[in-house]
């Protein structure tokens, strides 16, 4: 009965949503407490959120993105532009060149953030999207994510070169770099990460750089390890600050946790990159799952040009209908348990910017579609995990994985804007962005986090704290969790 009332609320407009959800929350406090248990686990367990008010971490995607935008503008307008104007080593002409491209990139980013909010509303709130809306949103999101970090890293490098007296080189390099970014946007060409930003994304730890590259190349090219299994063999202590075993809190998986014929979708937030894959591998090991599917891109595995992948559990986005292929393998697999590990944001926030990201529907669609196709023949479970990878690398907090209890996915026929898919997507996104939009690289601080290639980050001071927004989110979580 509760789920029926709440599903009706979802489709009855925002005011009814809040009223109904709040009434149900008051009447069914025991169920509400259970529904919020995982969120409380994150707030309690993940150290980078301790000591913060709920209003600082409880905002919607729209509010989180606005907070991130304000933090970025703090760095650009509050620190970078005054630094440029007041610099005594640059000529007036050089100052004007630097100011012009900086302001242009800033304006492009502001436009991108506005368009992201508009498209998000169309896609997930109004549900009036066109066929290409999701693709356009994702493209703008990727470009904005990369452009923001490229701008901040370039400003930090410019500041360093000016202090060293490399004025001409510093100015010319900065201006040409930013002009190339602008030209790519004008031409519709994807923004790329700078090499060092890319390297720090793949392997942020100095001690783990060569180990990670060597391990992946040797395992895949020489040992013929399948891509879907490669991360299982990585030494996680080379990927972060900790030398301890991976710490899983919340639900504890083991080989008896799920039926022997279970199909499992494991969804994890994409905070780290390589370590995220290692975590999914750890969960599979504890569950006793030997066959775990992944979706990746060929660009991420350049060594595949030397050896074709025959891995039946690896699917490439470039090959087209990869989700259909994942579902079919999950449905037809008859050799025990099988899982599909996925990172629903689709790409990674950057260490220096930590931009909030949208969560796509794919992971939740796979779970629902497979459950519907299998009916009672094989159970499909959905497991959600959240890590504090960003905080671990940039704030040196102990690395943790918070797991939620496996959820048996419903088997009834899918509907347009299926309530289970829509609610799980929104709930996962809310929790994934809890720690994002809170920290950003400080243009005035060129120091790196000890043992890493990553710039130190500063707290964004004006995180949204609207009580109306927070009360709505808290009530919303009631029906999203049922």
Foldseek 3Di string as FASTA:
>chain_A
DLLVQQVVQLPPDLVSNLVSLVVCCVVCVVLLCVLCVLVVCCCPPPVLNPPDDCLQQQFALLLLQVLLLLLLCCQVVVPLLVCLVPDPLDDPVLSVLLVVLSVVLNVLLVVLSVVLVVLCCCVQPVVVDDPCSVVVSLQSVQQSLQSSVVSLVLLLQLVVCVVVVVNVVSSVVSSVVSVVSVVCVVVVHGDDHDPLQVQCLAAFFPQQRVVSVVQQCCCCPPVVHAPLCSLQPDQCVRRFVDPDPAAEDADDAACPQDDFLEEEEEEEAAERHSVLSNVVSVNCVRNVAPAEAEEEAVVVPVCCVVPPHPDLRYHYVVVPPRLVSNLVCSQPDDDTYYYYYDHQQRDYRGLARQRQGAGDLSSVCSQQVSLQVCPPVHWYKYKYKYWPNSCCHQVVDDIYIYIYRIDTHDHDDADVCRLLSSLQRSVNSSSSCSSGSFKHARSVFQDADPRGSHGHIDTSDCRRRDPVSSSSSSSSSSSSSD
